Amino acid sequence: MIPRTPLASLPTHDVINMPPHLGDQDFWQSDNALQEGVLREGGSWAASHLATFGKLAGANDTFEKAEQANRSAPELKAFDRYGMRVNQTVFHPAYHELMSMAVEHEVASFAWNHAGPGAQVGHAALTYMFSQVEGGAMCPMAMVYAAIPALRTTPSVADEWVPRLLSTHYDPRDVPVTEKTGATAGMFMTEKQGGSDVRTNTTRAIAVGTSTGIGTEYRLTGHKYFCSAPMCDAFLTLAYTDIGLSCFLVPRWTPDAERNGLFLQRMKDKLGNRSNASTEMELQDTWGVMVGEEGRGVRTIIDMVQGNRMACCVSSAGLMRQGLVQALHHTENRSAFGNPLIEQPLMRNVLADLAIEVEAALVLSLRIARALDEGDTDEDAAALARIGTAIGKYWNCKRAPAHVGESLECHGGSGYIEESIMPRLYREAPVNSIWEGAGNIVCLDVLRAMQRESAAIPALLSELESASGANAALDAAIDNLRNELKNPDDLECRARTVTELMAITLQGALLIQHAPAAVSGAFCASRLAPRWSGAYGVLPADVDFDFIIGRAQHA
């Protein structure tokens, strides 16, 4: 008989040439472009808060919580064990921990709790950092942030609800809001038959008493097709009265401490954003209060839409940043054909190109945030914020999926495995382009801003002219944009072309003014070149790859 060798003495191989675990990140200290941008755009006073949050959000423990929350998707609990209808969603404890972290550090409320110069910039930075670790909890944070302007159109509602939403205490209990230490708000506008075309909605609202209009009580009946974060304490929604489409605040509990008629029908099985529940919602004689003027529901939610689009724009930049960080870590610690991947010429081209895209997305986001800060007192800033938010939402969200996909490809097969963060980032990337209007809707909104707001194009061109004469490719692109804007023919058909040109010229102008020459030069030599395809890894050979990659790696 051949003697058996104990299994413990049969090592199959040594693990070599595999990157170590990335571990803790510091989203603030490791990001040169973020620090510079926040200071430049007026948010220097928020640096301490951002530094604290950047270290906490980037900790390995936070990433582990995000992983747990996404692997254990929320479950619908329509009834309790006694058969009572409760319309609840049950989340993994890690999700509540992430929500608590976000609320306590003002991811939803910073811009409003610290109103003044730099507040929106600080808010954008918090969004950018938190989006790198968890998009599902970011969704309700964005909705709370965006709901505030709509609620403030109706003082009686705002006085009751805004302080609750701006609380830094997270209270997940499903109880009447008067018993809670803090609250969250969501929104559900779209219906099956219309999607973004909310004027096709069929939900009806009937006044409770003889009074009608702003601040009065109604009963709503209808069906909403997408209700994300259905555990929120209240929701903004649209319904028709006899006057027209109007906006309503619908709480989970009525003022009489009874469960409201919000009936969760089913849980959506989504591509990504899986830690966050999304449901279909039936409204049956549901109590609500009108927010804003009757028949002016779309106008009431305009600022809310802008807030959510801004969140999409910044979140996409954050997703791209984390994809880049993961790609840099892998290629720095993985060798092929005798050298570290990060030293291979073509890989360096890819990594530098990815880094340029991140910085361009961030510089655009922070400039729009400053325009939001200044918009209350400056008409030109308000116009730039209005058109800039739509431009940034379209372009950053459009670039993110391919960017994350390229970052995943830098890992090879390891990036395609669920144990890495890359599949989760990849699934998360498309949602920002769909939420608050997919690409066509947003580009048409750019056209509306051009046509209805006389200050919009002059404000945009003024921003571009600030960098005029510094780069020949940028100057040519600006001239090209002017020619596109002068041509009224088939403008709707050309809306994506015009919006993209606005985006890349604005990014180029901002980088020329504020980024190191190696970054801005590479951006203009690629994105503004006649033969640019949009693919990554096609930078000219004379680009300063060492500087660009080193800047992105800063720790």
Protein backbone atom coordinates (compact mmCIF):
# COMPACT_ATOMS: atom_id res chain seq x y z
CA MET A 1 0.00 0.00 0.00
CA ILE A 2 1.28 3.46 -0.85
CA PRO A 3 1.21 5.60 2.29
CA ARG A 4 -1.10 8.63 2.25
CA THR A 5 0.42 12.08 2.64
CA PRO A 6 -1.54 14.27 5.10
CA LEU A 7 -3.54 16.95 3.29
CA ALA A 8 -1.94 19.62 5.43
CA SER A 9 1.39 18.87 3.79
CA LEU A 10 0.09 19.24 0.24
CA PRO A 11 0.29 22.95 -0.52
CA THR A 12 -0.72 23.41 -4.15
CA HIS A 13 0.97 26.72 -4.75
CA ASP A 14 2.25 29.97 -3.31
CA VAL A 15 0.15 33.07 -3.90
CA ILE A 16 2.35 35.56 -5.71
CA ASN A 17 1.82 38.58 -7.96
CA MET A 18 -1.58 39.36 -6.46
CA PRO A 19 -2.34 42.86 -5.15
CA PRO A 20 -2.73 43.23 -1.39
CA HIS A 21 -6.06 44.27 0.06
CA LEU A 22 -6.53 47.98 -0.51
CA GLY A 23 -7.85 48.55 3.02
CA ASP A 24 -8.66 51.99 4.40
CA GLN A 25 -8.92 54.91 2.01
CA ASP A 26 -9.03 58.60 2.81
CA PHE A 27 -11.30 60.18 0.25
CA TRP A 28 -10.25 63.72 1.15
CA GLN A 29 -6.53 63.54 1.81
CA SER A 30 -5.82 61.26 -1.15
CA ASP A 31 -7.57 63.47 -3.71
CA ASN A 32 -5.61 66.52 -4.86
CA ALA A 33 -8.24 67.67 -7.32
CA LEU A 34 -11.00 67.52 -4.71
CA GLN A 35 -9.07 69.54 -2.13
CA GLU A 36 -8.01 72.14 -4.66
CA GLY A 37 -11.51 72.40 -6.11
CA VAL A 38 -13.29 72.86 -2.80
CA LEU A 39 -10.84 75.55 -1.71
CA ARG A 40 -11.01 77.32 -5.09
CA GLU A 41 -14.81 77.35 -5.32
CA GLY A 42 -15.39 78.85 -1.90
CA GLY A 43 -15.65 75.87 0.44
CA SER A 44 -12.39 76.25 2.41
CA TRP A 45 -14.31 76.76 5.64
CA ALA A 46 -15.77 73.23 5.25
CA ALA A 47 -12.39 71.50 4.90
CA SER A 48 -12.30 70.14 8.45
CA HIS A 49 -15.76 68.60 8.13
CA LEU A 50 -14.89 67.12 4.75
CA ALA A 51 -11.60 65.72 6.02
CA THR A 52 -13.34 63.98 8.90
CA PHE A 53 -15.99 62.49 6.67
CA GLY A 54 -13.53 61.50 3.95
CA LYS A 55 -11.59 59.35 6.37
CA LEU A 56 -14.74 57.75 7.83
CA ALA A 57 -16.46 57.10 4.50
CA GLY A 58 -13.30 55.61 2.99
CA ALA A 59 -12.60 53.25 5.86
CA ASN A 60 -12.48 49.55 5.04
CA ASP A 61 -15.27 48.96 7.56
CA THR A 62 -17.56 51.29 5.59
CA PHE A 63 -16.85 49.39 2.39
CA GLU A 64 -17.67 46.15 4.19
CA LYS A 65 -21.01 47.56 5.30
CA ALA A 66 -21.78 48.60 1.74
CA GLU A 67 -20.95 45.11 0.53
CA GLN A 68 -23.22 43.54 3.14
CA ALA A 69 -26.09 45.91 2.36
CA ASN A 70 -25.87 45.15 -1.36
CA ARG A 71 -25.59 41.39 -0.97
CA SER A 72 -28.62 41.31 1.34
CA ALA A 73 -31.17 43.26 -0.65
CA PRO A 74 -34.18 44.78 1.17
CA GLU A 75 -37.35 42.74 1.42
CA LEU A 76 -40.96 43.77 1.08
CA LYS A 77 -43.05 43.33 4.22
CA ALA A 78 -46.54 44.23 3.13
CA PHE A 79 -48.22 42.60 6.17
CA ASP A 80 -47.25 41.94 9.75
CA ARG A 81 -47.66 38.47 11.31
CA TYR A 82 -51.20 39.30 12.37
CA GLY A 83 -52.28 40.08 8.81
CA MET A 84 -52.28 43.84 9.28
CA ARG A 85 -51.17 45.86 6.26
CA VAL A 86 -47.94 47.70 7.23
CA ASN A 87 -46.31 48.46 3.84
CA GLN A 88 -42.77 48.23 5.14
CA THR A 89 -39.38 47.35 3.72
CA VAL A 90 -36.84 45.43 5.77
CA PHE A 91 -33.18 46.35 5.32
CA HIS A 92 -29.94 44.71 6.37
CA PRO A 93 -28.58 46.38 9.54
CA ALA A 94 -25.54 47.54 7.56
CA TYR A 95 -27.79 49.72 5.43
CA HIS A 96 -29.11 51.51 8.49
CA GLU A 97 -25.54 52.04 9.69
CA LEU A 98 -24.65 53.66 6.38
CA MET A 99 -27.75 55.83 6.52
CA SER A 100 -26.88 56.89 10.04
CA MET A 101 -23.35 57.84 9.00
CA ALA A 102 -24.66 59.90 6.09
CA VAL A 103 -27.33 61.72 8.08
CA GLU A 104 -25.06 62.48 11.02
CA HIS A 105 -22.42 63.97 8.70
CA GLU A 106 -24.98 66.02 6.75
CA VAL A 107 -24.68 64.33 3.37
CA ALA A 108 -28.32 65.32 2.83
CA SER A 109 -28.49 68.56 4.77
CA PHE A 110 -25.12 70.31 4.56
CA ALA A 111 -26.08 72.86 1.90
CA TRP A 112 -29.14 73.97 3.88
CA ASN A 113 -27.72 73.76 7.40
CA HIS A 114 -24.76 75.97 6.39
CA ALA A 115 -26.40 78.20 3.81
CA GLY A 116 -24.00 80.76 2.39
CA PRO A 117 -20.97 80.94 0.12
CA GLY A 118 -19.47 77.50 -0.40
CA ALA A 119 -22.38 75.54 1.08
CA GLN A 120 -23.34 73.85 -2.18
CA VAL A 121 -19.67 73.20 -2.90
CA GLY A 122 -19.28 71.46 0.45
CA HIS A 123 -22.43 69.50 -0.21
CA ALA A 124 -21.12 68.40 -3.61
CA ALA A 125 -17.88 67.22 -2.00
CA LEU A 126 -19.78 65.11 0.54
CA THR A 127 -21.87 63.60 -2.26
CA TYR A 128 -18.75 62.88 -4.32
CA MET A 129 -17.10 61.06 -1.44
CA PHE A 130 -20.10 59.09 -0.19
CA SER A 131 -20.99 57.97 -3.73
CA GLN A 132 -17.64 56.20 -3.95
CA VAL A 133 -18.66 53.69 -1.32
CA GLU A 134 -22.44 53.30 -1.50
CA GLY A 135 -25.03 54.49 -4.02
CA GLY A 136 -28.08 52.91 -2.41
CA ALA A 137 -27.91 55.06 0.71
CA MET A 138 -26.97 58.06 -1.44
CA CYS A 139 -30.38 57.93 -3.15
CA PRO A 140 -32.47 59.00 -0.11
CA MET A 141 -29.79 61.55 0.81
CA ALA A 142 -30.17 63.15 -2.63
CA MET A 143 -33.95 63.19 -2.34
CA VAL A 144 -33.93 64.85 1.08
CA TYR A 145 -31.54 67.50 -0.24
CA ALA A 146 -33.65 68.10 -3.34
CA ALA A 147 -36.99 68.24 -1.49
CA ILE A 148 -36.17 71.32 0.58
CA PRO A 149 -36.75 74.00 -2.12
CA ALA A 150 -40.10 72.47 -3.09
CA LEU A 151 -41.29 72.33 0.51
CA ARG A 152 -40.28 75.96 1.06
CA THR A 153 -42.84 77.06 -1.52
CA THR A 154 -45.46 76.32 1.14
CA PRO A 155 -44.50 77.88 4.51
CA SER A 156 -46.99 75.90 6.60
CA VAL A 157 -45.54 72.64 5.28
CA ALA A 158 -41.95 73.83 5.42
CA ASP A 159 -42.24 74.94 9.05
CA GLU A 160 -43.34 71.44 10.02
CA TRP A 161 -41.15 69.29 7.81
CA VAL A 162 -37.90 71.08 6.95
CA PRO A 163 -36.47 70.99 10.50
CA ARG A 164 -37.11 67.25 10.63
CA LEU A 165 -35.37 66.65 7.31
CA LEU A 166 -32.39 68.78 8.29
CA SER A 167 -31.90 66.90 11.54
CA THR A 168 -28.58 65.10 11.99
CA HIS A 169 -30.28 62.23 13.84
CA TYR A 170 -31.18 59.12 11.87
CA ASP A 171 -34.37 57.49 13.15
CA PRO A 172 -35.43 54.45 11.07
CA ARG A 173 -38.54 53.61 13.09
CA ASP A 174 -41.84 53.35 11.22
CA VAL A 175 -43.85 55.51 13.61
CA PRO A 176 -45.65 58.86 13.28
CA VAL A 177 -43.10 61.54 12.49
CA THR A 178 -44.06 63.54 15.57
CA GLU A 179 -42.45 60.78 17.63
CA LYS A 180 -39.15 60.79 15.72
CA THR A 181 -35.84 62.61 16.17
CA GLY A 182 -35.31 63.03 12.44
CA ALA A 183 -37.00 62.24 9.16
CA THR A 184 -36.32 61.42 5.52
CA ALA A 185 -38.30 62.27 2.39
CA GLY A 186 -38.58 60.61 -0.97
CA MET A 187 -40.43 61.30 -4.17
CA PHE A 188 -42.35 59.34 -6.78
CA MET A 189 -43.46 61.23 -9.88
CA THR A 190 -43.56 58.78 -12.78
CA GLU A 191 -46.27 56.38 -13.83
CA LYS A 192 -46.24 53.42 -16.20
CA GLN A 193 -47.83 55.16 -19.14
CA GLY A 194 -45.63 58.25 -19.16
CA GLY A 195 -42.25 57.95 -17.47
CA SER A 196 -40.57 61.34 -17.77
CA ASP A 197 -43.68 62.72 -19.48
CA VAL A 198 -45.38 63.43 -16.16
CA ARG A 199 -48.20 65.36 -17.80
CA THR A 200 -49.63 61.98 -18.87
CA ASN A 201 -50.08 61.01 -15.20
CA THR A 202 -53.52 59.77 -14.25
CA THR A 203 -53.37 60.03 -10.44
CA ARG A 204 -56.21 62.23 -9.19
CA ALA A 205 -56.48 64.46 -6.12
CA ILE A 206 -59.76 65.54 -4.55
CA ALA A 207 -59.96 68.27 -1.90
CA VAL A 208 -60.97 67.07 1.57
CA GLY A 209 -63.07 70.13 2.36
CA THR A 210 -64.29 73.25 0.65
CA SER A 211 -60.86 74.88 0.65
CA THR A 212 -58.52 74.17 -2.22
CA GLY A 213 -55.05 75.18 -3.30
CA ILE A 214 -51.69 75.58 -1.64
CA GLY A 215 -51.39 74.13 1.87
CA THR A 216 -54.81 72.40 1.89
CA GLU A 217 -55.70 68.74 2.33
CA TYR A 218 -56.49 66.33 -0.50
CA ARG A 219 -57.10 62.63 -1.07
CA LEU A 220 -55.08 60.99 -3.86
CA THR A 221 -55.80 57.87 -5.90
CA GLY A 222 -53.49 56.37 -8.52
CA HIS A 223 -50.48 54.17 -9.21
CA LYS A 224 -46.79 55.18 -9.17
CA TYR A 225 -44.34 52.98 -11.02
CA PHE A 226 -41.08 53.82 -9.25
CA CYS A 227 -40.93 54.63 -5.56
CA SER A 228 -37.35 54.41 -4.32
CA ALA A 229 -36.55 54.47 -0.60
CA PRO A 230 -40.17 53.64 0.33
CA MET A 231 -39.24 53.65 4.01
CA CYS A 232 -39.13 57.46 3.98
CA ASP A 233 -41.41 59.41 6.28
CA ALA A 234 -42.98 61.46 3.50
CA PHE A 235 -43.00 61.72 -0.27
CA LEU A 236 -43.48 64.40 -2.87
CA THR A 237 -45.71 63.33 -5.74
CA LEU A 238 -47.81 64.71 -8.59
CA ALA A 239 -51.55 64.37 -9.14
CA TYR A 240 -54.25 66.12 -11.12
CA THR A 241 -56.88 68.35 -9.58
CA ASP A 242 -59.61 70.04 -11.62
CA ILE A 243 -57.20 72.93 -12.16
CA GLY A 244 -54.26 70.86 -13.36
CA LEU A 245 -51.19 68.84 -12.39
CA SER A 246 -50.20 69.74 -8.83
CA CYS A 247 -47.59 68.72 -6.26
CA PHE A 248 -48.42 67.08 -2.92
CA LEU A 249 -46.60 65.99 0.20
CA VAL A 250 -47.82 62.55 1.24
CA PRO A 251 -46.62 61.28 4.66
CA ARG A 252 -46.44 57.63 5.74
CA TRP A 253 -48.67 58.48 8.70
CA THR A 254 -51.58 60.89 8.70
CA PRO A 255 -51.84 63.74 11.21
CA ASP A 256 -54.23 61.49 13.14
CA ALA A 257 -51.40 58.96 13.64
CA GLU A 258 -52.99 56.45 11.27
CA ARG A 259 -51.10 54.64 8.51
CA ASN A 260 -51.66 56.50 5.27
CA GLY A 261 -52.99 54.83 2.12
CA LEU A 262 -49.58 54.03 0.65
CA PHE A 263 -49.74 50.45 -0.57
CA LEU A 264 -46.48 48.83 -1.69
CA GLN A 265 -47.29 46.43 -4.53
CA ARG A 266 -43.98 44.80 -5.37
CA MET A 267 -40.23 45.24 -5.08
CA LYS A 268 -38.31 46.09 -8.23
CA ASP A 269 -35.50 43.65 -9.09
CA LYS A 270 -32.94 46.22 -10.27
CA LEU A 271 -29.68 46.03 -12.16
CA GLY A 272 -27.85 47.98 -9.48
CA ASN A 273 -28.49 50.24 -6.49
CA ARG A 274 -29.53 46.99 -4.87
CA SER A 275 -29.15 48.00 -1.24
CA ASN A 276 -31.91 50.55 -1.78
CA ALA A 277 -35.50 49.43 -2.12
CA SER A 278 -37.52 50.52 -5.15
CA THR A 279 -41.19 49.60 -5.31
CA GLU A 280 -44.44 50.20 -7.11
CA MET A 281 -46.85 52.22 -5.02
CA GLU A 282 -50.63 52.26 -5.08
CA LEU A 283 -52.37 55.34 -3.69
CA GLN A 284 -55.90 54.68 -2.42
CA ASP A 285 -57.69 57.59 -0.82
CA THR A 286 -54.26 58.71 0.35
CA TRP A 287 -54.03 61.82 2.51
CA GLY A 288 -51.78 64.61 1.26
CA VAL A 289 -51.26 68.36 1.42
CA MET A 290 -50.73 70.53 -1.63
CA VAL A 291 -47.26 72.00 -2.00
CA GLY A 292 -46.92 74.99 -4.29
CA GLU A 293 -49.64 76.53 -6.45
CA GLU A 294 -52.48 74.42 -7.75
CA GLY A 295 -52.00 73.42 -11.35
CA ARG A 296 -48.31 74.38 -11.16
CA GLY A 297 -46.92 71.06 -10.00
CA VAL A 298 -44.19 70.86 -12.61
CA ARG A 299 -43.01 74.35 -11.75
CA THR A 300 -42.99 73.42 -8.05
CA ILE A 301 -40.65 70.50 -8.63
CA ILE A 302 -38.24 72.28 -11.01
CA ASP A 303 -35.76 73.11 -8.24
CA MET A 304 -36.16 69.60 -6.87
CA VAL A 305 -35.31 68.16 -10.28
CA GLN A 306 -32.26 70.40 -10.48
CA GLY A 307 -31.11 69.21 -7.06
CA ASN A 308 -31.44 65.56 -8.00
CA ARG A 309 -29.70 66.13 -11.33
CA MET A 310 -26.86 67.77 -9.50
CA ALA A 311 -26.61 64.72 -7.26
CA CYS A 312 -26.47 62.48 -10.35
CA CYS A 313 -23.74 64.61 -11.89
CA VAL A 314 -21.56 64.56 -8.77
CA SER A 315 -22.29 60.92 -7.93
CA SER A 316 -21.13 59.85 -11.37
CA ALA A 317 -17.87 61.71 -10.82
CA GLY A 318 -17.51 59.87 -7.50
CA LEU A 319 -18.10 56.47 -9.10
CA MET A 320 -15.44 57.23 -11.69
CA ARG A 321 -13.01 58.30 -8.99
CA GLN A 322 -13.41 55.06 -7.06
CA GLY A 323 -13.07 53.01 -10.23
CA LEU A 324 -9.81 54.83 -10.95
CA VAL A 325 -8.52 54.28 -7.40
CA GLN A 326 -9.18 50.56 -7.70
CA ALA A 327 -7.49 50.39 -11.12
CA LEU A 328 -4.42 52.27 -9.90
CA HIS A 329 -4.07 49.98 -6.89
CA HIS A 330 -4.35 46.82 -8.97
CA THR A 331 -1.96 47.87 -11.72
CA GLU A 332 0.60 49.16 -9.26
CA ASN A 333 0.71 45.80 -7.50
CA ARG A 334 0.34 43.43 -10.43
CA SER A 335 3.10 42.52 -12.91
CA ALA A 336 2.89 41.17 -16.45
CA PHE A 337 5.57 40.45 -19.00
CA GLY A 338 8.31 41.34 -16.55
CA ASN A 339 7.10 44.73 -15.32
CA PRO A 340 4.35 46.17 -13.10
CA LEU A 341 1.23 46.85 -15.14
CA ILE A 342 1.35 50.50 -14.18
CA GLU A 343 4.70 50.80 -15.98
CA GLN A 344 3.45 49.31 -19.24
CA PRO A 345 3.16 52.12 -21.84
CA LEU A 346 -0.34 51.32 -23.07
CA MET A 347 -1.67 50.76 -19.55
CA ARG A 348 -0.20 54.12 -18.55
CA ASN A 349 -2.11 55.69 -21.39
CA VAL A 350 -5.35 54.11 -20.16
CA LEU A 351 -4.79 55.08 -16.53
CA ALA A 352 -3.86 58.67 -17.37
CA ASP A 353 -6.90 58.96 -19.61
CA LEU A 354 -9.16 57.67 -16.84
CA ALA A 355 -7.58 60.14 -14.41
CA ILE A 356 -8.18 63.06 -16.76
CA GLU A 357 -11.85 62.10 -17.09
CA VAL A 358 -12.29 62.05 -13.32
CA GLU A 359 -10.71 65.44 -12.84
CA ALA A 360 -12.76 66.94 -15.68
CA ALA A 361 -15.99 65.54 -14.19
CA LEU A 362 -15.09 66.88 -10.75
CA VAL A 363 -14.03 70.36 -11.87
CA LEU A 364 -17.31 70.70 -13.79
CA SER A 365 -19.37 69.53 -10.81
CA LEU A 366 -17.74 71.91 -8.36
CA ARG A 367 -18.07 74.88 -10.72
CA ILE A 368 -21.80 74.19 -11.06
CA ALA A 369 -22.02 73.93 -7.27
CA ARG A 370 -20.48 77.39 -6.91
CA ALA A 371 -23.00 78.74 -9.41
CA LEU A 372 -25.77 77.28 -7.24
CA ASP A 373 -24.24 79.05 -4.23
CA GLU A 374 -24.16 82.37 -6.07
CA GLY A 375 -27.47 82.00 -7.89
CA ASP A 376 -29.63 83.59 -5.19
CA THR A 377 -28.00 86.98 -5.71
CA ASP A 378 -26.49 86.76 -9.19
CA GLU A 379 -28.68 86.30 -12.28
CA ASP A 380 -25.78 85.13 -14.44
CA ALA A 381 -24.75 82.55 -11.85
CA ALA A 382 -28.33 81.29 -11.63
CA ALA A 383 -28.47 80.94 -15.40
CA LEU A 384 -25.15 79.10 -15.47
CA ALA A 385 -26.38 76.78 -12.70
CA ARG A 386 -29.60 76.09 -14.59
CA ILE A 387 -28.01 75.10 -17.90
CA GLY A 388 -24.81 73.79 -16.30
CA THR A 389 -26.65 71.27 -14.13
CA ALA A 390 -28.31 69.77 -17.19
CA ILE A 391 -25.03 69.73 -19.14
CA GLY A 392 -23.14 68.12 -16.26
CA LYS A 393 -25.90 65.63 -15.57
CA TYR A 394 -25.92 64.49 -19.17
CA TRP A 395 -22.19 64.28 -19.74
CA ASN A 396 -20.86 62.95 -16.41
CA CYS A 397 -23.60 60.33 -16.30
CA LYS A 398 -23.00 59.38 -19.91
CA ARG A 399 -19.25 58.95 -19.38
CA ALA A 400 -19.43 57.00 -16.12
CA PRO A 401 -20.49 53.51 -17.33
CA ALA A 402 -17.73 53.27 -19.93
CA HIS A 403 -15.24 54.72 -17.47
CA VAL A 404 -16.06 52.17 -14.77
CA GLY A 405 -16.02 49.43 -17.40
CA GLU A 406 -12.51 50.45 -18.48
CA SER A 407 -11.37 50.55 -14.84
CA LEU A 408 -12.78 47.05 -14.41
CA GLU A 409 -10.89 45.87 -17.50
CA CYS A 410 -7.62 47.05 -15.93
CA HIS A 411 -8.06 44.22 -13.41
CA GLY A 412 -8.57 41.52 -16.01
CA GLY A 413 -10.65 38.59 -14.79
CA SER A 414 -10.26 39.58 -11.14
CA GLY A 415 -12.32 42.70 -11.77
CA TYR A 416 -15.20 40.63 -13.09
CA ILE A 417 -15.56 38.75 -9.81
CA GLU A 418 -18.15 39.83 -7.26
CA GLU A 419 -15.58 39.78 -4.46
CA SER A 420 -14.06 42.87 -6.01
CA ILE A 421 -15.98 46.14 -5.81
CA MET A 422 -15.86 46.61 -9.57
CA PRO A 423 -19.09 44.75 -10.54
CA ARG A 424 -21.00 46.76 -7.97
CA LEU A 425 -19.60 50.04 -9.29
CA TYR A 426 -20.35 48.93 -12.84
CA ARG A 427 -23.98 48.10 -12.03
CA GLU A 428 -24.36 51.38 -10.18
CA ALA A 429 -23.09 53.60 -13.00
CA PRO A 430 -26.11 53.57 -15.39
CA VAL A 431 -28.74 54.61 -12.84
CA ASN A 432 -27.59 58.24 -12.65
CA SER A 433 -28.12 58.64 -16.37
CA ILE A 434 -31.70 57.37 -16.07
CA TRP A 435 -32.79 59.05 -12.83
CA GLU A 436 -34.39 62.50 -13.23
CA GLY A 437 -34.49 62.22 -16.99
CA ALA A 438 -32.50 60.00 -19.33
CA GLY A 439 -30.12 61.48 -21.88
CA ASN A 440 -32.67 62.68 -24.42
CA ILE A 441 -34.83 64.35 -21.79
CA VAL A 442 -31.87 66.19 -20.30
CA CYS A 443 -30.56 67.36 -23.68
CA LEU A 444 -34.00 68.69 -24.56
CA ASP A 445 -33.93 70.52 -21.24
CA VAL A 446 -30.63 72.11 -22.32
CA LEU A 447 -32.44 73.39 -25.41
CA ARG A 448 -35.27 74.75 -23.25
CA ALA A 449 -32.77 76.60 -21.09
CA MET A 450 -31.20 78.07 -24.22
CA GLN A 451 -34.54 79.25 -25.56
CA ARG A 452 -36.34 80.37 -22.41
CA GLU A 453 -33.55 81.88 -20.33
CA SER A 454 -31.86 84.72 -22.11
CA ALA A 455 -28.91 84.73 -19.72
CA ALA A 456 -28.06 81.03 -20.10
CA ILE A 457 -25.91 81.03 -23.26
CA PRO A 458 -24.18 84.36 -22.46
CA ALA A 459 -23.29 82.99 -19.00
CA LEU A 460 -21.89 79.81 -20.53
CA LEU A 461 -19.91 81.67 -23.21
CA SER A 462 -18.55 84.09 -20.62
CA GLU A 463 -17.19 81.11 -18.67
CA LEU A 464 -15.58 79.74 -21.82
CA GLU A 465 -14.07 83.09 -22.79
CA SER A 466 -12.24 83.19 -19.46
CA ALA A 467 -9.89 80.59 -20.93
CA SER A 468 -9.79 81.98 -24.46
CA GLY A 469 -6.36 82.20 -26.06
CA ALA A 470 -4.67 79.68 -23.76
CA ASN A 471 -5.08 76.60 -25.97
CA ALA A 472 -5.59 76.40 -29.73
CA ALA A 473 -7.75 73.25 -29.57
CA LEU A 474 -10.01 74.84 -26.97
CA ASP A 475 -10.33 78.04 -29.02
CA ALA A 476 -11.32 75.98 -32.06
CA ALA A 477 -13.88 74.04 -30.02
CA ILE A 478 -15.41 77.25 -28.69
CA ASP A 479 -15.71 78.59 -32.25
CA ASN A 480 -17.32 75.32 -33.27
CA LEU A 481 -19.81 75.63 -30.42
CA ARG A 482 -20.69 79.18 -31.44
CA ASN A 483 -21.40 77.99 -34.97
CA GLU A 484 -23.59 75.17 -33.67
CA LEU A 485 -25.56 77.61 -31.55
CA LYS A 486 -26.09 79.98 -34.48
CA ASN A 487 -27.61 77.22 -36.59
CA PRO A 488 -31.32 76.79 -35.77
CA ASP A 489 -31.88 73.94 -38.21
CA ASP A 490 -32.73 70.53 -36.77
CA LEU A 491 -31.67 71.71 -33.33
CA GLU A 492 -33.67 69.04 -31.52
CA CYS A 493 -32.05 66.32 -33.62
CA ARG A 494 -28.64 67.82 -32.82
CA ALA A 495 -29.35 68.27 -29.10
CA ARG A 496 -26.87 65.61 -27.96
CA THR A 497 -24.17 66.99 -30.25
CA VAL A 498 -24.65 70.50 -28.89
CA THR A 499 -24.82 69.38 -25.26
CA GLU A 500 -21.69 67.25 -25.59
CA LEU A 501 -19.81 70.14 -27.17
CA MET A 502 -20.94 72.43 -24.36
CA ALA A 503 -19.72 69.90 -21.81
CA ILE A 504 -16.26 69.25 -23.19
CA THR A 505 -15.55 72.91 -23.98
CA LEU A 506 -16.64 73.89 -20.47
CA GLN A 507 -14.51 71.15 -18.93
CA GLY A 508 -11.58 72.21 -21.09
CA ALA A 509 -11.95 75.87 -20.12
CA LEU A 510 -12.14 75.02 -16.42
CA LEU A 511 -9.12 72.72 -16.58
CA ILE A 512 -7.09 75.31 -18.52
CA GLN A 513 -7.81 77.83 -15.76
CA HIS A 514 -7.45 75.63 -12.70
CA ALA A 515 -5.68 72.31 -13.35
CA PRO A 516 -1.97 71.63 -13.86
CA ALA A 517 -0.84 72.15 -17.45
CA ALA A 518 -0.17 68.42 -17.92
CA VAL A 519 -3.81 67.61 -17.13
CA SER A 520 -5.45 70.42 -19.11
CA GLY A 521 -3.12 69.94 -22.06
CA ALA A 522 -3.86 66.22 -22.26
CA PHE A 523 -7.59 66.86 -21.98
CA CYS A 524 -7.62 69.39 -24.81
CA ALA A 525 -5.29 67.33 -27.00
CA SER A 526 -7.66 64.37 -26.76
CA ARG A 527 -11.26 65.44 -26.09
CA LEU A 528 -11.08 68.48 -28.34
CA ALA A 529 -9.13 66.78 -31.11
CA PRO A 530 -10.94 66.18 -34.44
CA ARG A 531 -10.54 62.40 -34.32
CA TRP A 532 -11.43 61.77 -30.66
CA SER A 533 -13.52 58.59 -30.42
CA GLY A 534 -14.45 58.75 -26.75
CA ALA A 535 -12.51 55.57 -25.98
CA TYR A 536 -9.98 55.55 -23.15
CA GLY A 537 -6.26 55.02 -23.69
CA VAL A 538 -5.87 57.13 -26.82
CA LEU A 539 -3.90 60.08 -25.41
CA PRO A 540 -1.08 61.48 -27.57
CA ALA A 541 2.34 59.96 -26.90
CA ASP A 542 3.82 63.26 -25.69
CA VAL A 543 1.47 63.52 -22.69
CA ASP A 544 3.15 63.72 -19.26
CA PHE A 545 1.87 60.34 -18.06
CA ASP A 546 4.09 60.33 -14.97
CA PHE A 547 2.64 63.56 -13.64
CA ILE A 548 -1.00 62.72 -14.38
CA ILE A 549 -0.85 59.26 -12.82
CA GLY A 550 1.15 60.50 -9.85
CA ARG A 551 -1.38 63.25 -9.21
CA ALA A 552 -4.22 60.73 -9.22
CA GLN A 553 -2.27 58.42 -6.88
CA HIS A 554 -1.48 61.07 -4.28
CA ALA A 555 -1.80 59.70 -0.75
